[in-house]
Amino acid sequence: MLVRLEHVNLCVRDVDGMTQFLQTAFPDFQIRHDQKNEDGSRWVHIGTHETYLTLNHATKEPDGSFRPYSGRPGVNHLAYEVDDVEAIRTRLMAAGYNESTPPHSHPHRKRVYFVDAEGNDWEFVQYFSDDPKERNDYEKAEG
């Protein structure tokens, strides 16, 4: 059975700002579609031919701000597997984005986390092994 995440749909305050974050992390991401609805709200599909994100312009502010890892319902982070995590780290830092978690050290993977201008946390992980036991090892200390 084929299972893969085709897309994620996010509601954001600043569609252009989120587009800039994503294209900084992933220079290959292209805008697949950009549309304004009759009510003036905007939505964008950004990504590759295989995977993308939908960015919907938020029309309301939340009752309270969501903080990842606070124990409240919501998405703590989105994670992308990449082939060069240091290149993404370098691009995002050069563009002024902040790491949200210190880089992790593990013999079979490296992860970095960045927060976008909306306050969303993003994980980028690079694996150094094709062996699932090594890739998914939780016993070796990270940090």
N, C-alpha and C. Protein backbone atom coordinates (compact mmCIF):
# COMPACT_ATOMS: atom_id res chain seq x y z
N MET A 1 0.84 -1.18 0.00
CA MET A 1 0.00 0.00 0.00
C MET A 1 0.89 1.25 0.00
N LEU A 2 0.65 2.13 -0.96
CA LEU A 2 1.38 3.39 -1.04
C LEU A 2 0.78 4.37 -0.04
N VAL A 3 1.63 4.96 0.78
CA VAL A 3 1.21 6.02 1.69
C VAL A 3 2.26 7.11 1.62
N ARG A 4 1.84 8.31 1.32
CA ARG A 4 2.75 9.46 1.33
C ARG A 4 1.92 10.70 1.59
N LEU A 5 2.51 11.66 2.22
CA LEU A 5 1.83 12.92 2.47
C LEU A 5 1.91 13.75 1.21
N GLU A 6 0.78 14.00 0.59
CA GLU A 6 0.78 14.76 -0.65
C GLU A 6 0.93 16.26 -0.39
N HIS A 7 0.13 16.77 0.54
CA HIS A 7 0.26 18.19 0.87
C HIS A 7 -0.24 18.47 2.28
N VAL A 8 0.12 19.64 2.74
CA VAL A 8 -0.32 20.18 4.01
C VAL A 8 -1.01 21.50 3.70
N ASN A 9 -2.09 21.80 4.40
CA ASN A 9 -2.82 23.03 4.19
C ASN A 9 -2.66 23.89 5.45
N LEU A 10 -2.01 25.04 5.31
CA LEU A 10 -1.76 25.94 6.43
C LEU A 10 -2.52 27.25 6.24
N CYS A 11 -3.04 27.77 7.31
CA CYS A 11 -3.65 29.09 7.31
C CYS A 11 -2.61 30.04 7.92
N VAL A 12 -2.20 31.06 7.17
CA VAL A 12 -1.10 31.93 7.59
C VAL A 12 -1.51 33.40 7.49
N ARG A 13 -0.86 34.22 8.29
CA ARG A 13 -1.13 35.66 8.25
C ARG A 13 -0.53 36.31 7.01
N ASP A 14 0.65 35.83 6.61
CA ASP A 14 1.41 36.47 5.54
C ASP A 14 1.83 35.41 4.51
N VAL A 15 1.05 35.29 3.45
CA VAL A 15 1.32 34.28 2.41
C VAL A 15 2.69 34.52 1.78
N ASP A 16 3.01 35.77 1.48
CA ASP A 16 4.31 36.06 0.85
C ASP A 16 5.46 35.77 1.80
N GLY A 17 5.30 36.10 3.08
CA GLY A 17 6.35 35.81 4.05
C GLY A 17 6.59 34.32 4.21
N MET A 18 5.52 33.54 4.24
CA MET A 18 5.67 32.08 4.35
C MET A 18 6.28 31.52 3.07
N THR A 19 5.90 32.07 1.93
CA THR A 19 6.50 31.65 0.65
C THR A 19 8.00 31.90 0.68
N GLN A 20 8.41 33.04 1.21
CA GLN A 20 9.83 33.37 1.29
C GLN A 20 10.57 32.38 2.19
N PHE A 21 9.99 32.04 3.34
CA PHE A 21 10.61 31.06 4.24
C PHE A 21 10.79 29.73 3.52
N LEU A 22 9.74 29.26 2.88
CA LEU A 22 9.79 27.95 2.22
C LEU A 22 10.78 27.94 1.05
N GLN A 23 10.82 29.00 0.28
CA GLN A 23 11.75 29.03 -0.85
C GLN A 23 13.19 29.25 -0.39
N THR A 24 13.38 29.82 0.79
CA THR A 24 14.73 29.90 1.36
C THR A 24 15.19 28.52 1.78
N ALA A 25 14.33 27.78 2.45
CA ALA A 25 14.67 26.42 2.86
C ALA A 25 14.81 25.51 1.65
N PHE A 26 13.88 25.64 0.72
CA PHE A 26 13.81 24.74 -0.44
C PHE A 26 13.80 25.57 -1.74
N PRO A 27 14.97 25.92 -2.27
CA PRO A 27 15.01 26.73 -3.49
C PRO A 27 14.28 26.10 -4.68
N ASP A 28 14.08 24.79 -4.67
CA ASP A 28 13.37 24.13 -5.76
C ASP A 28 11.86 24.28 -5.67
N PHE A 29 11.35 24.76 -4.54
CA PHE A 29 9.90 24.95 -4.40
C PHE A 29 9.45 26.09 -5.32
N GLN A 30 8.44 25.81 -6.11
CA GLN A 30 7.87 26.80 -7.01
C GLN A 30 6.40 27.03 -6.65
N ILE A 31 5.90 28.19 -7.00
CA ILE A 31 4.47 28.45 -6.82
C ILE A 31 3.75 27.72 -7.94
N ARG A 32 2.94 26.75 -7.55
CA ARG A 32 2.18 25.95 -8.50
C ARG A 32 0.87 26.64 -8.86
N HIS A 33 0.33 27.41 -7.93
CA HIS A 33 -0.92 28.12 -8.18
C HIS A 33 -1.03 29.26 -7.17
N ASP A 34 -1.55 30.40 -7.61
CA ASP A 34 -1.74 31.57 -6.76
C ASP A 34 -3.08 32.17 -7.15
N GLN A 35 -4.02 32.19 -6.22
CA GLN A 35 -5.38 32.62 -6.57
C GLN A 35 -5.99 33.47 -5.48
N LYS A 36 -6.79 34.45 -5.90
CA LYS A 36 -7.62 35.23 -4.98
C LYS A 36 -9.06 34.76 -5.17
N ASN A 37 -9.73 34.53 -4.05
CA ASN A 37 -11.12 34.14 -4.08
C ASN A 37 -12.01 35.38 -4.20
N GLU A 38 -13.28 35.16 -4.42
CA GLU A 38 -14.22 36.28 -4.57
C GLU A 38 -14.25 37.18 -3.33
N ASP A 39 -14.00 36.59 -2.16
CA ASP A 39 -14.02 37.38 -0.93
C ASP A 39 -12.70 38.12 -0.69
N GLY A 40 -11.75 37.99 -1.63
CA GLY A 40 -10.47 38.68 -1.52
C GLY A 40 -9.39 37.87 -0.83
N SER A 41 -9.76 36.75 -0.23
CA SER A 41 -8.74 35.92 0.42
C SER A 41 -7.89 35.23 -0.65
N ARG A 42 -6.68 34.92 -0.28
CA ARG A 42 -5.71 34.39 -1.23
C ARG A 42 -5.24 33.03 -0.78
N TRP A 43 -4.96 32.16 -1.73
CA TRP A 43 -4.33 30.88 -1.42
C TRP A 43 -3.31 30.55 -2.48
N VAL A 44 -2.26 29.85 -2.04
CA VAL A 44 -1.13 29.51 -2.89
C VAL A 44 -0.78 28.04 -2.70
N HIS A 45 -0.47 27.37 -3.78
CA HIS A 45 0.15 26.04 -3.71
C HIS A 45 1.62 26.25 -4.02
N ILE A 46 2.50 25.81 -3.11
CA ILE A 46 3.94 25.96 -3.30
C ILE A 46 4.62 24.63 -2.99
N GLY A 47 5.49 24.21 -3.89
CA GLY A 47 6.22 22.95 -3.68
C GLY A 47 6.79 22.42 -4.97
N THR A 48 6.79 21.11 -5.07
CA THR A 48 7.29 20.43 -6.26
C THR A 48 6.11 19.74 -6.94
N HIS A 49 6.40 18.98 -7.99
CA HIS A 49 5.34 18.23 -8.65
C HIS A 49 4.82 17.11 -7.76
N GLU A 50 5.63 16.64 -6.81
CA GLU A 50 5.26 15.50 -5.98
C GLU A 50 4.64 15.89 -4.64
N THR A 51 5.03 17.03 -4.09
CA THR A 51 4.54 17.43 -2.77
C THR A 51 4.46 18.95 -2.71
N TYR A 52 3.54 19.44 -1.90
CA TYR A 52 3.39 20.89 -1.81
C TYR A 52 2.69 21.27 -0.51
N LEU A 53 2.66 22.56 -0.27
CA LEU A 53 1.90 23.12 0.83
C LEU A 53 0.88 24.08 0.24
N THR A 54 -0.30 24.09 0.83
CA THR A 54 -1.29 25.10 0.51
C THR A 54 -1.20 26.16 1.59
N LEU A 55 -1.07 27.41 1.18
CA LEU A 55 -1.03 28.52 2.12
C LEU A 55 -2.30 29.35 1.92
N ASN A 56 -3.15 29.34 2.91
CA ASN A 56 -4.38 30.13 2.88
C ASN A 56 -4.19 31.37 3.74
N HIS A 57 -4.59 32.51 3.21
CA HIS A 57 -4.48 33.74 3.97
C HIS A 57 -5.49 33.73 5.11
N ALA A 58 -5.01 33.94 6.34
CA ALA A 58 -5.88 33.98 7.51
C ALA A 58 -6.72 35.25 7.48
N THR A 59 -7.98 35.12 7.78
CA THR A 59 -8.87 36.27 7.81
C THR A 59 -9.27 36.66 9.22
N LYS A 60 -8.88 35.85 10.21
CA LYS A 60 -9.19 36.13 11.61
C LYS A 60 -7.98 35.81 12.46
N GLU A 61 -7.88 36.48 13.59
CA GLU A 61 -6.83 36.18 14.55
C GLU A 61 -7.37 35.14 15.54
N PRO A 62 -6.49 34.26 16.02
CA PRO A 62 -6.95 33.27 17.00
C PRO A 62 -7.28 33.92 18.34
N ASP A 63 -8.07 33.22 19.14
CA ASP A 63 -8.42 33.73 20.47
C ASP A 63 -7.19 33.85 21.36
N GLY A 64 -6.24 32.96 21.19
CA GLY A 64 -4.99 33.00 21.94
C GLY A 64 -3.89 32.49 21.05
N SER A 65 -2.67 32.82 21.36
CA SER A 65 -1.58 32.36 20.51
C SER A 65 -1.23 30.92 20.85
N PHE A 66 -1.01 30.12 19.82
CA PHE A 66 -0.59 28.74 19.99
C PHE A 66 0.92 28.70 20.14
N ARG A 67 1.39 27.95 21.12
CA ARG A 67 2.82 27.75 21.30
C ARG A 67 3.10 26.27 21.12
N PRO A 68 3.96 25.92 20.15
CA PRO A 68 4.31 24.50 19.98
C PRO A 68 4.84 23.93 21.30
N TYR A 69 4.58 22.65 21.51
CA TYR A 69 5.08 21.89 22.66
C TYR A 69 4.52 22.38 23.99
N SER A 70 3.42 23.11 23.95
CA SER A 70 2.81 23.62 25.19
C SER A 70 1.82 22.63 25.79
N GLY A 71 1.55 21.54 25.09
CA GLY A 71 0.59 20.56 25.56
C GLY A 71 -0.82 20.83 25.06
N ARG A 72 -1.02 21.97 24.39
CA ARG A 72 -2.32 22.29 23.82
C ARG A 72 -2.45 21.61 22.46
N PRO A 73 -3.67 21.28 22.03
CA PRO A 73 -3.85 20.67 20.72
C PRO A 73 -3.31 21.58 19.62
N GLY A 74 -2.75 20.98 18.62
CA GLY A 74 -2.20 21.72 17.48
C GLY A 74 -0.97 21.02 16.96
N VAL A 75 -0.41 21.55 15.90
CA VAL A 75 0.77 20.96 15.27
C VAL A 75 2.02 21.51 15.94
N ASN A 76 2.84 20.64 16.51
CA ASN A 76 4.09 21.09 17.13
C ASN A 76 5.12 21.48 16.08
N HIS A 77 5.28 20.66 15.05
CA HIS A 77 6.17 21.02 13.96
C HIS A 77 5.88 20.16 12.74
N LEU A 78 6.34 20.62 11.60
CA LEU A 78 6.33 19.85 10.37
C LEU A 78 7.78 19.48 10.09
N ALA A 79 8.01 18.26 9.61
CA ALA A 79 9.38 17.79 9.39
C ALA A 79 9.56 17.38 7.94
N TYR A 80 10.69 17.77 7.39
CA TYR A 80 11.08 17.39 6.04
C TYR A 80 12.39 16.62 6.08
N GLU A 81 12.44 15.50 5.36
CA GLU A 81 13.71 14.81 5.16
C GLU A 81 14.41 15.50 4.01
N VAL A 82 15.69 15.79 4.21
CA VAL A 82 16.48 16.52 3.21
C VAL A 82 17.82 15.82 3.01
N ASP A 83 18.49 16.15 1.92
CA ASP A 83 19.79 15.52 1.67
C ASP A 83 20.97 16.36 2.13
N ASP A 84 20.74 17.60 2.58
CA ASP A 84 21.83 18.44 3.05
C ASP A 84 21.29 19.43 4.09
N VAL A 85 21.20 18.98 5.32
CA VAL A 85 20.60 19.79 6.39
C VAL A 85 21.45 21.03 6.68
N GLU A 86 22.75 20.94 6.53
CA GLU A 86 23.61 22.11 6.79
C GLU A 86 23.39 23.21 5.76
N ALA A 87 23.12 22.86 4.52
CA ALA A 87 22.84 23.87 3.49
C ALA A 87 21.55 24.62 3.84
N ILE A 88 20.54 23.91 4.30
CA ILE A 88 19.28 24.56 4.71
C ILE A 88 19.54 25.45 5.92
N ARG A 89 20.27 24.95 6.88
CA ARG A 89 20.60 25.73 8.08
C ARG A 89 21.31 27.02 7.70
N THR A 90 22.29 26.92 6.82
CA THR A 90 23.05 28.09 6.38
C THR A 90 22.15 29.11 5.68
N ARG A 91 21.29 28.65 4.77
CA ARG A 91 20.40 29.56 4.04
C ARG A 91 19.42 30.25 4.98
N LEU A 92 18.82 29.49 5.89
CA LEU A 92 17.83 30.09 6.79
C LEU A 92 18.47 31.07 7.76
N MET A 93 19.64 30.74 8.28
CA MET A 93 20.32 31.67 9.19
C MET A 93 20.75 32.93 8.46
N ALA A 94 21.24 32.79 7.22
CA ALA A 94 21.66 33.96 6.44
C ALA A 94 20.47 34.88 6.14
N ALA A 95 19.27 34.29 6.04
CA ALA A 95 18.07 35.08 5.77
C ALA A 95 17.44 35.64 7.04
N GLY A 96 18.05 35.37 8.22
CA GLY A 96 17.59 35.94 9.47
C GLY A 96 16.61 35.11 10.27
N TYR A 97 16.38 33.87 9.86
CA TYR A 97 15.48 33.00 10.63
C TYR A 97 16.25 32.40 11.80
N ASN A 98 15.54 32.13 12.89
CA ASN A 98 16.16 31.63 14.11
C ASN A 98 15.93 30.15 14.31
N GLU A 99 16.98 29.49 14.81
CA GLU A 99 16.82 28.10 15.21
C GLU A 99 15.97 28.07 16.47
N SER A 100 15.09 27.08 16.55
CA SER A 100 14.23 26.97 17.71
C SER A 100 14.75 25.95 18.71
N THR A 101 15.61 25.06 18.26
CA THR A 101 16.16 24.00 19.09
C THR A 101 17.63 23.85 18.70
N PRO A 102 18.51 23.62 19.65
CA PRO A 102 19.91 23.39 19.26
C PRO A 102 20.02 22.20 18.32
N PRO A 103 20.95 22.22 17.38
CA PRO A 103 21.12 21.08 16.47
C PRO A 103 21.34 19.79 17.27
N HIS A 104 20.80 18.71 16.76
CA HIS A 104 20.92 17.41 17.41
C HIS A 104 22.07 16.63 16.80
N SER A 105 22.73 15.83 17.62
CA SER A 105 23.83 14.99 17.17
C SER A 105 23.44 13.53 17.37
N HIS A 106 23.53 12.75 16.31
CA HIS A 106 23.21 11.33 16.32
C HIS A 106 24.07 10.70 15.23
N PRO A 107 24.56 9.49 15.44
CA PRO A 107 25.44 8.91 14.41
C PRO A 107 24.74 8.65 13.08
N HIS A 108 23.41 8.56 13.06
CA HIS A 108 22.73 8.17 11.83
C HIS A 108 21.77 9.23 11.29
N ARG A 109 21.72 10.39 11.93
CA ARG A 109 20.87 11.47 11.44
C ARG A 109 21.30 12.79 12.07
N LYS A 110 20.93 13.87 11.38
CA LYS A 110 21.15 15.21 11.92
C LYS A 110 19.86 15.99 11.70
N ARG A 111 19.42 16.66 12.77
CA ARG A 111 18.19 17.44 12.69
C ARG A 111 18.45 18.87 13.12
N VAL A 112 17.81 19.80 12.43
CA VAL A 112 17.79 21.20 12.86
C VAL A 112 16.35 21.67 12.83
N TYR A 113 16.06 22.64 13.68
CA TYR A 113 14.71 23.18 13.79
C TYR A 113 14.78 24.69 13.64
N PHE A 114 13.83 25.24 12.88
CA PHE A 114 13.74 26.69 12.71
C PHE A 114 12.30 27.13 12.89
N VAL A 115 12.14 28.35 13.38
CA VAL A 115 10.81 28.94 13.52
C VAL A 115 10.63 29.98 12.42
N ASP A 116 9.47 29.95 11.77
CA ASP A 116 9.18 30.94 10.74
C ASP A 116 8.60 32.20 11.37
N ALA A 117 8.32 33.20 10.56
CA ALA A 117 7.81 34.48 11.07
C ALA A 117 6.42 34.36 11.70
N GLU A 118 5.70 33.28 11.39
CA GLU A 118 4.36 33.05 11.95
C GLU A 118 4.42 32.36 13.31
N GLY A 119 5.60 31.87 13.69
CA GLY A 119 5.74 31.14 14.94
C GLY A 119 5.65 29.63 14.80
N ASN A 120 5.57 29.13 13.56
CA ASN A 120 5.55 27.69 13.32
C ASN A 120 6.96 27.12 13.43
N ASP A 121 7.05 25.93 13.97
CA ASP A 121 8.34 25.26 14.09
C ASP A 121 8.49 24.25 12.95
N TRP A 122 9.66 24.20 12.33
CA TRP A 122 9.96 23.31 11.21
C TRP A 122 11.19 22.49 11.54
N GLU A 123 11.10 21.20 11.30
CA GLU A 123 12.24 20.30 11.48
C GLU A 123 12.76 19.89 10.11
N PHE A 124 14.08 19.85 9.99
CA PHE A 124 14.74 19.37 8.78
C PHE A 124 15.69 18.27 9.24
N VAL A 125 15.57 17.07 8.65
CA VAL A 125 16.37 15.93 9.09
C VAL A 125 17.09 15.32 7.89
N GLN A 126 18.36 15.01 8.12
CA GLN A 126 19.18 14.31 7.13
C GLN A 126 19.61 12.99 7.73
N TYR A 127 19.37 11.90 7.01
CA TYR A 127 19.77 10.57 7.48
C TYR A 127 21.09 10.18 6.84
N PHE A 128 21.91 9.48 7.64
CA PHE A 128 23.21 9.00 7.18
C PHE A 128 23.24 7.49 7.02
N SER A 129 22.08 6.88 7.06
CA SER A 129 21.97 5.43 6.94
C SER A 129 20.67 5.10 6.22
N ASP A 130 20.69 4.02 5.45
CA ASP A 130 19.46 3.51 4.84
C ASP A 130 18.82 2.42 5.69
N ASP A 131 19.50 2.00 6.74
CA ASP A 131 19.01 0.95 7.61
C ASP A 131 17.96 1.54 8.56
N PRO A 132 16.70 1.06 8.48
CA PRO A 132 15.65 1.61 9.35
C PRO A 132 15.97 1.51 10.83
N LYS A 133 16.67 0.46 11.26
CA LYS A 133 17.01 0.34 12.68
C LYS A 133 17.94 1.47 13.11
N GLU A 134 18.87 1.84 12.26
CA GLU A 134 19.77 2.94 12.59
C GLU A 134 19.07 4.29 12.47
N ARG A 135 18.29 4.47 11.41
CA ARG A 135 17.59 5.74 11.19
C ARG A 135 16.62 6.04 12.33
N ASN A 136 15.98 4.99 12.84
CA ASN A 136 14.93 5.15 13.84
C ASN A 136 15.40 4.78 15.25
N ASP A 137 16.69 4.81 15.47
CA ASP A 137 17.23 4.50 16.78
C ASP A 137 16.92 5.63 17.74
N TYR A 138 16.29 5.30 18.88
CA TYR A 138 15.95 6.30 19.88
C TYR A 138 16.80 6.16 21.13
N GLU A 139 17.69 5.20 21.16
CA GLU A 139 18.52 4.96 22.34
C GLU A 139 19.75 5.85 22.38
N LYS A 140 20.30 6.17 21.23
CA LYS A 140 21.52 6.98 21.20
C LYS A 140 21.16 8.43 21.55
N ALA A 141 21.93 9.01 22.41
CA ALA A 141 21.63 10.36 22.89
C ALA A 141 21.72 11.37 21.76
N GLU A 142 20.79 12.30 21.76
CA GLU A 142 20.83 13.44 20.85
C GLU A 142 20.90 14.68 21.71
N GLY A 143 21.63 15.63 21.25
CA GLY A 143 21.65 16.88 22.00
C GLY A 143 23.03 17.40 22.17
